[in-house]
PDB file of N, CA and C in Angstrom:
ATOM      1  N   MET A   1      57.638   4.968  77.992  1.00  0.00           N
ATOM      2  CA  MET A   1      56.390   5.035  78.638  1.00  0.00           C
ATOM      3  C   MET A   1      55.680   3.668  78.583  1.00  0.00           C
ATOM      4  N   LEU A   2      55.299   3.205  79.686  1.00  0.00           N
ATOM      5  CA  LEU A   2      54.573   1.915  79.706  1.00  0.00           C
ATOM      6  C   LEU A   2      53.093   2.184  79.582  1.00  0.00           C
ATOM      7  N   SER A   3      52.374   1.330  78.884  1.00  0.00           N
ATOM      8  CA  SER A   3      50.973   1.469  78.740  1.00  0.00           C
ATOM      9  C   SER A   3      50.426   0.127  78.389  1.00  0.00           C
ATOM     10  N   GLY A   4      49.103   0.029  78.746  1.00  0.00           N
ATOM     11  CA  GLY A   4      48.425  -1.214  78.501  1.00  0.00           C
ATOM     12  C   GLY A   4      47.053  -1.087  79.053  1.00  0.00           C
ATOM     13  N   ALA A   5      46.122  -1.678  78.288  1.00  0.00           N
ATOM     14  CA  ALA A   5      44.627  -1.648  78.615  1.00  0.00           C
ATOM     15  C   ALA A   5      44.431  -2.473  79.857  1.00  0.00           C
ATOM     16  N   LEU A   6      43.796  -1.914  80.892  1.00  0.00           N
ATOM     17  CA  LEU A   6      43.400  -2.572  82.114  1.00  0.00           C
ATOM     18  C   LEU A   6      42.250  -3.558  81.897  1.00  0.00           C
ATOM     19  N   THR A   7      41.175  -2.971  81.249  1.00  0.00           N
ATOM     20  CA  THR A   7      40.088  -3.801  80.970  1.00  0.00           C
ATOM     21  C   THR A   7      39.696  -3.497  79.459  1.00  0.00           C
ATOM     22  N   THR A   8      38.777  -4.269  78.850  1.00  0.00           N
ATOM     23  CA  THR A   8      38.339  -4.022  77.566  1.00  0.00           C
ATOM     24  C   THR A   8      37.606  -2.713  77.408  1.00  0.00           C
ATOM     25  N   ASN A   9      37.066  -2.158  78.455  1.00  0.00           N
ATOM     26  CA  ASN A   9      36.264  -0.931  78.511  1.00  0.00           C
ATOM     27  C   ASN A   9      37.048   0.238  78.676  1.00  0.00           C
ATOM     28  N   LEU A  10      38.396   0.144  78.973  1.00  0.00           N
ATOM     29  CA  LEU A  10      39.218   1.332  79.239  1.00  0.00           C
ATOM     30  C   LEU A  10      40.309   1.345  78.154  1.00  0.00           C
ATOM     31  N   GLY A  11      40.757   2.514  77.906  1.00  0.00           N
ATOM     32  CA  GLY A  11      41.941   2.686  77.064  1.00  0.00           C
ATOM     33  C   GLY A  11      43.130   2.407  77.731  1.00  0.00           C
ATOM     34  N   PRO A  12      44.359   2.538  77.089  1.00  0.00           N
ATOM     35  CA  PRO A  12      45.659   2.241  77.652  1.00  0.00           C
ATOM     36  C   PRO A  12      45.865   3.141  78.849  1.00  0.00           C
ATOM     37  N   ALA A  13      46.519   2.649  79.925  1.00  0.00           N
ATOM     38  CA  ALA A  13      46.881   3.428  81.061  1.00  0.00           C
ATOM     39  C   ALA A  13      48.333   3.960  80.886  1.00  0.00           C
ATOM     40  N   ASP A  14      48.380   5.182  81.295  1.00  0.00           N
ATOM     41  CA  ASP A  14      49.740   5.940  81.241  1.00  0.00           C
ATOM     42  C   ASP A  14      50.530   5.612  82.552  1.00  0.00           C
ATOM     43  N   TRP A  15      51.598   4.970  82.570  1.00  0.00           N
ATOM     44  CA  TRP A  15      52.315   4.717  83.782  1.00  0.00           C
ATOM     45  C   TRP A  15      53.618   5.538  83.871  1.00  0.00           C
ATOM     46  N   GLY A  16      53.723   6.654  83.115  1.00  0.00           N
ATOM     47  CA  GLY A  16      54.831   7.443  83.244  1.00  0.00           C
ATOM     48  C   GLY A  16      55.922   6.964  82.292  1.00  0.00           C
ATOM     49  N   GLY A  17      56.970   7.728  82.197  1.00  0.00           N
ATOM     50  CA  GLY A  17      58.010   7.368  81.233  1.00  0.00           C
ATOM     51  C   GLY A  17      59.276   6.809  81.887  1.00  0.00           C
ATOM     52  N   GLY A  18      59.880   6.035  81.112  1.00  0.00           N
ATOM     53  CA  GLY A  18      61.280   5.504  81.491  1.00  0.00           C
ATOM     54  C   GLY A  18      61.365   4.713  82.774  1.00  0.00           C
ATOM     55  N   ILE A  19      60.373   3.909  83.226  1.00  0.00           N
ATOM     56  CA  ILE A  19      60.493   3.046  84.306  1.00  0.00           C
ATOM     57  C   ILE A  19      61.226   1.729  84.024  1.00  0.00           C
ATOM     58  N   GLN A  20      62.280   1.599  84.640  1.00  0.00           N
ATOM     59  CA  GLN A  20      63.127   0.368  84.416  1.00  0.00           C
ATOM     60  C   GLN A  20      63.363  -0.338  85.741  1.00  0.00           C
ATOM     61  N   GLN A  21      63.302  -1.613  85.696  1.00  0.00           N
ATOM     62  CA  GLN A  21      63.492  -2.417  86.959  1.00  0.00           C
ATOM     63  C   GLN A  21      64.920  -2.290  87.377  1.00  0.00           C
ATOM     64  N   TYR A  22      65.089  -2.152  88.663  1.00  0.00           N
ATOM     65  CA  TYR A  22      66.405  -1.959  89.337  1.00  0.00           C
ATOM     66  C   TYR A  22      67.052  -0.631  89.101  1.00  0.00           C
ATOM     67  N   VAL A  23      66.460   0.191  88.251  1.00  0.00           N
ATOM     68  CA  VAL A  23      67.115   1.557  87.911  1.00  0.00           C
ATOM     69  C   VAL A  23      66.282   2.659  88.443  1.00  0.00           C
ATOM     70  N   THR A  24      65.000   2.596  88.184  1.00  0.00           N
ATOM     71  CA  THR A  24      64.087   3.720  88.550  1.00  0.00           C
ATOM     72  C   THR A  24      63.774   3.718  89.997  1.00  0.00           C
ATOM     73  N   THR A  25      63.922   4.877  90.699  1.00  0.00           N
ATOM     74  CA  THR A  25      63.547   5.048  92.043  1.00  0.00           C
ATOM     75  C   THR A  25      62.067   5.316  92.106  1.00  0.00           C
ATOM     76  N   ILE A  26      61.426   4.541  92.924  1.00  0.00           N
ATOM     77  CA  ILE A  26      59.936   4.637  93.051  1.00  0.00           C
ATOM     78  C   ILE A  26      59.618   6.070  93.712  1.00  0.00           C
ATOM     79  N   GLN A  27      58.681   6.742  93.087  1.00  0.00           N
ATOM     80  CA  GLN A  27      58.282   8.034  93.607  1.00  0.00           C
ATOM     81  C   GLN A  27      56.787   8.069  93.929  1.00  0.00           C
ATOM     82  N   ALA A  28      56.399   9.053  94.616  1.00  0.00           N
ATOM     83  CA  ALA A  28      54.959   9.189  94.957  1.00  0.00           C
ATOM     84  C   ALA A  28      54.078   9.089  93.890  1.00  0.00           C
ATOM     85  N   LYS A  29      54.477   9.713  92.707  1.00  0.00           N
ATOM     86  CA  LYS A  29      53.635   9.680  91.529  1.00  0.00           C
ATOM     87  C   LYS A  29      53.420   8.342  90.940  1.00  0.00           C
ATOM     88  N   HIS A  30      54.428   7.393  91.074  1.00  0.00           N
ATOM     89  CA  HIS A  30      54.289   6.108  90.643  1.00  0.00           C
ATOM     90  C   HIS A  30      53.117   5.371  91.406  1.00  0.00           C
ATOM     91  N   ILE A  31      53.245   5.557  92.749  1.00  0.00           N
ATOM     92  CA  ILE A  31      52.196   4.849  93.589  1.00  0.00           C
ATOM     93  C   ILE A  31      50.794   5.471  93.255  1.00  0.00           C
ATOM     94  N   GLN A  32      50.706   6.789  93.139  1.00  0.00           N
ATOM     95  CA  GLN A  32      49.473   7.468  92.731  1.00  0.00           C
ATOM     96  C   GLN A  32      48.874   6.947  91.455  1.00  0.00           C
ATOM     97  N   ASP A  33      49.792   6.748  90.455  1.00  0.00           N
ATOM     98  CA  ASP A  33      49.363   6.301  89.090  1.00  0.00           C
ATOM     99  C   ASP A  33      48.874   4.886  89.235  1.00  0.00           C
ATOM    100  N   LEU A  34      49.472   3.978  90.030  1.00  0.00           N
ATOM    101  CA  LEU A  34      48.911   2.695  90.223  1.00  0.00           C
ATOM    102  C   LEU A  34      47.529   2.682  90.839  1.00  0.00           C
ATOM    103  N   ARG A  35      47.386   3.532  91.918  1.00  0.00           N
ATOM    104  CA  ARG A  35      46.118   3.642  92.530  1.00  0.00           C
ATOM    105  C   ARG A  35      45.040   4.108  91.583  1.00  0.00           C
ATOM    106  N   GLU A  36      45.292   5.162  90.822  1.00  0.00           N
ATOM    107  CA  GLU A  36      44.349   5.756  90.033  1.00  0.00           C
ATOM    108  C   GLU A  36      43.898   4.810  88.908  1.00  0.00           C
ATOM    109  N   ASN A  37      44.864   4.135  88.281  1.00  0.00           N
ATOM    110  CA  ASN A  37      44.541   3.125  87.247  1.00  0.00           C
ATOM    111  C   ASN A  37      43.845   1.895  87.747  1.00  0.00           C
ATOM    112  N   LEU A  38      44.205   1.468  88.932  1.00  0.00           N
ATOM    113  CA  LEU A  38      43.547   0.334  89.585  1.00  0.00           C
ATOM    114  C   LEU A  38      42.100   0.708  89.898  1.00  0.00           C
ATOM    115  N   ASP A  39      41.877   1.870  90.430  1.00  0.00           N
ATOM    116  CA  ASP A  39      40.544   2.234  90.763  1.00  0.00           C
ATOM    117  C   ASP A  39      39.751   2.447  89.499  1.00  0.00           C
ATOM    118  N   ALA A  40      40.259   2.969  88.381  1.00  0.00           N
ATOM    119  CA  ALA A  40      39.498   2.984  87.176  1.00  0.00           C
ATOM    120  C   ALA A  40      39.132   1.720  86.638  1.00  0.00           C
ATOM    121  N   ALA A  41      39.986   0.619  86.764  1.00  0.00           N
ATOM    122  CA  ALA A  41      39.648  -0.692  86.362  1.00  0.00           C
ATOM    123  C   ALA A  41      38.639  -1.330  87.202  1.00  0.00           C
ATOM    124  N   ARG A  42      38.758  -1.037  88.610  1.00  0.00           N
ATOM    125  CA  ARG A  42      37.717  -1.603  89.491  1.00  0.00           C
ATOM    126  C   ARG A  42      36.376  -1.012  89.220  1.00  0.00           C
ATOM    127  N   SER A  43      36.322   0.284  88.872  1.00  0.00           N
ATOM    128  CA  SER A  43      35.120   0.984  88.628  1.00  0.00           C
ATOM    129  C   SER A  43      34.471   0.339  87.284  1.00  0.00           C
ATOM    130  N   ALA A  44      35.262   0.175  86.263  1.00  0.00           N
ATOM    131  CA  ALA A  44      34.717  -0.370  85.050  1.00  0.00           C
ATOM    132  C   ALA A  44      34.202  -1.772  85.350  1.00  0.00           C
ATOM    133  N   LEU A  45      34.739  -2.549  86.198  1.00  0.00           N
ATOM    134  CA  LEU A  45      34.228  -3.817  86.628  1.00  0.00           C
ATOM    135  C   LEU A  45      33.137  -3.846  87.641  1.00  0.00           C
ATOM    136  N   GLN A  46      32.818  -2.551  87.993  1.00  0.00           N
ATOM    137  CA  GLN A  46      31.762  -2.449  89.045  1.00  0.00           C
ATOM    138  C   GLN A  46      32.144  -2.995  90.396  1.00  0.00           C
ATOM    139  N   PHE A  47      33.419  -2.882  90.723  1.00  0.00           N
ATOM    140  CA  PHE A  47      33.906  -3.229  92.075  1.00  0.00           C
ATOM    141  C   PHE A  47      33.945  -1.933  92.823  1.00  0.00           C
ATOM    142  N   PRO A  48      33.856  -2.009  94.220  1.00  0.00           N
ATOM    143  CA  PRO A  48      33.978  -0.767  94.983  1.00  0.00           C
ATOM    144  C   PRO A  48      35.496  -0.269  94.904  1.00  0.00           C
ATOM    145  N   GLN A  49      35.649   1.052  95.158  1.00  0.00           N
ATOM    146  CA  GLN A  49      36.872   1.702  95.172  1.00  0.00           C
ATOM    147  C   GLN A  49      37.694   1.192  96.439  1.00  0.00           C
ATOM    148  N   CYS A  50      38.981   1.212  96.367  1.00  0.00           N
ATOM    149  CA  CYS A  50      39.784   0.782  97.495  1.00  0.00           C
ATOM    150  C   CYS A  50      40.092   2.075  98.376  1.00  0.00           C
ATOM    151  N   THR A  51      40.523   1.787  99.578  1.00  0.00           N
ATOM    152  CA  THR A  51      40.886   2.827 100.510  1.00  0.00           C
ATOM    153  C   THR A  51      42.393   2.702 100.739  1.00  0.00           C
ATOM    154  N   TYR A  52      43.003   3.939 100.772  1.00  0.00           N
ATOM    155  CA  TYR A  52      44.398   4.036 100.847  1.00  0.00           C
ATOM    156  C   TYR A  52      44.918   4.825 101.995  1.00  0.00           C
ATOM    157  N   THR A  53      46.064   4.497 102.600  1.00  0.00           N
ATOM    158  CA  THR A  53      46.735   5.410 103.473  1.00  0.00           C
ATOM    159  C   THR A  53      47.521   6.403 102.737  1.00  0.00           C
ATOM    160  N   ASP A  54      47.613   7.605 103.274  1.00  0.00           N
ATOM    161  CA  ASP A  54      48.316   8.697 102.588  1.00  0.00           C
ATOM    162  C   ASP A  54      47.712   8.939 101.148  1.00  0.00           C
ATOM    163  N   ASN A  55      46.529   9.489 101.190  1.00  0.00           N
ATOM    164  CA  ASN A  55      45.738   9.489  99.966  1.00  0.00           C
ATOM    165  C   ASN A  55      46.065  10.522  98.857  1.00  0.00           C
ATOM    166  N   SER A  56      46.950  11.457  99.163  1.00  0.00           N
ATOM    167  CA  SER A  56      47.258  12.387  98.164  1.00  0.00           C
ATOM    168  C   SER A  56      48.805  12.311  97.733  1.00  0.00           C
ATOM    169  N   ILE A  57      49.133  12.997  96.635  1.00  0.00           N
ATOM    170  CA  ILE A  57      50.536  12.965  96.242  1.00  0.00           C
ATOM    171  C   ILE A  57      51.322  13.669  97.383  1.00  0.00           C
ATOM    172  N   ASN A  58      50.743  14.778  97.888  1.00  0.00           N
ATOM    173  CA  ASN A  58      51.482  15.564  98.993  1.00  0.00           C
ATOM    174  C   ASN A  58      51.755  14.569 100.259  1.00  0.00           C
ATOM    175  N   ALA A  59      50.693  13.844 100.589  1.00  0.00           N
ATOM    176  CA  ALA A  59      50.782  12.990 101.715  1.00  0.00           C
ATOM    177  C   ALA A  59      51.762  11.838 101.490  1.00  0.00           C
ATOM    178  N   LEU A  60      51.867  11.312 100.161  1.00  0.00           N
ATOM    179  CA  LEU A  60      52.777  10.322  99.774  1.00  0.00           C
ATOM    180  C   LEU A  60      54.106  10.762  99.817  1.00  0.00           C
ATOM    181  N   LYS A  61      54.353  12.039  99.415  1.00  0.00           N
ATOM    182  CA  LYS A  61      55.669  12.740  99.332  1.00  0.00           C
ATOM    183  C   LYS A  61      56.188  12.959 100.759  1.00  0.00           C
ATOM    184  N   ALA A  62      55.189  13.285 101.726  1.00  0.00           N
ATOM    185  CA  ALA A  62      55.661  13.622 103.073  1.00  0.00           C
ATOM    186  C   ALA A  62      55.909  12.365 103.880  1.00  0.00           C
ATOM    187  N   SER A  63      55.352  11.266 103.422  1.00  0.00           N
ATOM    188  CA  SER A  63      55.676   9.923 104.215  1.00  0.00           C
ATOM    189  C   SER A  63      56.866   9.233 103.532  1.00  0.00           C
ATOM    190  N   TYR A  64      57.406   8.309 104.424  1.00  0.00           N
ATOM    191  CA  TYR A  64      58.350   7.432 103.811  1.00  0.00           C
ATOM    192  C   TYR A  64      57.586   6.373 102.881  1.00  0.00           C
ATOM    193  N   PHE A  65      58.241   5.832 101.905  1.00  0.00           N
ATOM    194  CA  PHE A  65      57.639   4.817 101.188  1.00  0.00           C
ATOM    195  C   PHE A  65      57.399   3.647 102.143  1.00  0.00           C
ATOM    196  N   LYS A  66      56.133   3.161 102.187  1.00  0.00           N
ATOM    197  CA  LYS A  66      55.770   2.191 103.198  1.00  0.00           C
ATOM    198  C   LYS A  66      55.339   0.890 102.540  1.00  0.00           C
ATOM    199  N   LYS A  67      55.630  -0.164 103.312  1.00  0.00           N
ATOM    200  CA  LYS A  67      55.144  -1.476 102.858  1.00  0.00           C
ATOM    201  C   LYS A  67      53.645  -1.454 102.644  1.00  0.00           C
ATOM    202  N   GLU A  68      52.884  -0.783 103.576  1.00  0.00           N
ATOM    203  CA  GLU A  68      51.460  -0.799 103.483  1.00  0.00           C
ATOM    204  C   GLU A  68      50.938  -0.155 102.167  1.00  0.00           C
ATOM    205  N   HIS A  69      51.616   0.734 101.611  1.00  0.00           N
ATOM    206  CA  HIS A  69      51.254   1.350 100.312  1.00  0.00           C
ATOM    207  C   HIS A  69      51.125   0.228  99.286  1.00  0.00           C
ATOM    208  N   ILE A  70      52.131  -0.566  99.207  1.00  0.00           N
ATOM    209  CA  ILE A  70      52.093  -1.787  98.212  1.00  0.00           C
ATOM    210  C   ILE A  70      51.175  -2.807  98.655  1.00  0.00           C
ATOM    211  N   GLU A  71      51.007  -3.137  99.872  1.00  0.00           N
ATOM    212  CA  GLU A  71      50.081  -4.078 100.353  1.00  0.00           C
ATOM    213  C   GLU A  71      48.633  -3.688 100.007  1.00  0.00           C
ATOM    214  N   GLN A  72      48.309  -2.424 100.126  1.00  0.00           N
ATOM    215  CA  GLN A  72      46.892  -1.946  99.864  1.00  0.00           C
ATOM    216  C   GLN A  72      46.682  -2.169  98.335  1.00  0.00           C
ATOM    217  N   ILE A  73      47.577  -1.845  97.499  1.00  0.00           N
ATOM    218  CA  ILE A  73      47.445  -2.014  96.063  1.00  0.00           C
ATOM    219  C   ILE A  73      47.241  -3.572  95.768  1.00  0.00           C
ATOM    220  N   ARG A  74      48.131  -4.330  96.356  1.00  0.00           N
ATOM    221  CA  ARG A  74      48.072  -5.782  96.029  1.00  0.00           C
ATOM    222  C   ARG A  74      46.739  -6.362  96.545  1.00  0.00           C
ATOM    223  N   ASN A  75      46.277  -5.832  97.766  1.00  0.00           N
ATOM    224  CA  ASN A  75      44.879  -6.404  98.222  1.00  0.00           C
ATOM    225  C   ASN A  75      43.746  -6.043  97.386  1.00  0.00           C
ATOM    226  N   CYS A  76      43.821  -4.861  96.674  1.00  0.00           N
ATOM    227  CA  CYS A  76      42.859  -4.410  95.780  1.00  0.00           C
ATOM    228  C   CYS A  76      42.745  -5.240  94.405  1.00  0.00           C
ATOM    229  N   VAL A  77      43.923  -5.810  94.093  1.00  0.00           N
ATOM    230  CA  VAL A  77      43.967  -6.514  92.854  1.00  0.00           C
ATOM    231  C   VAL A  77      43.358  -7.995  93.062  1.00  0.00           C
ATOM    232  N   LYS A  78      43.423  -8.455  94.294  1.00  0.00           N
ATOM    233  CA  LYS A  78      42.939  -9.836  94.617  1.00  0.00           C
ATOM    234  C   LYS A  78      41.470  -9.996  94.348  1.00  0.00           C
TER     235      LYS A  78
END
């Protein structure tokens, strides 16, 4: 399980278990975890929440993994 504090005001984030580069298949839950932890960090820093395409786990599961899902997360980090 990966974890790490996103800001000094938040506890460690849970990123799920057993994620290994080049081994783990990216799943809807991984994208949702990134979004939720990013939004919590942005909130702690008093930044506005981000907007995402395919906003729920079910919507993410129903769609193909899209480049825009990662781009939206990357843009929220900037």
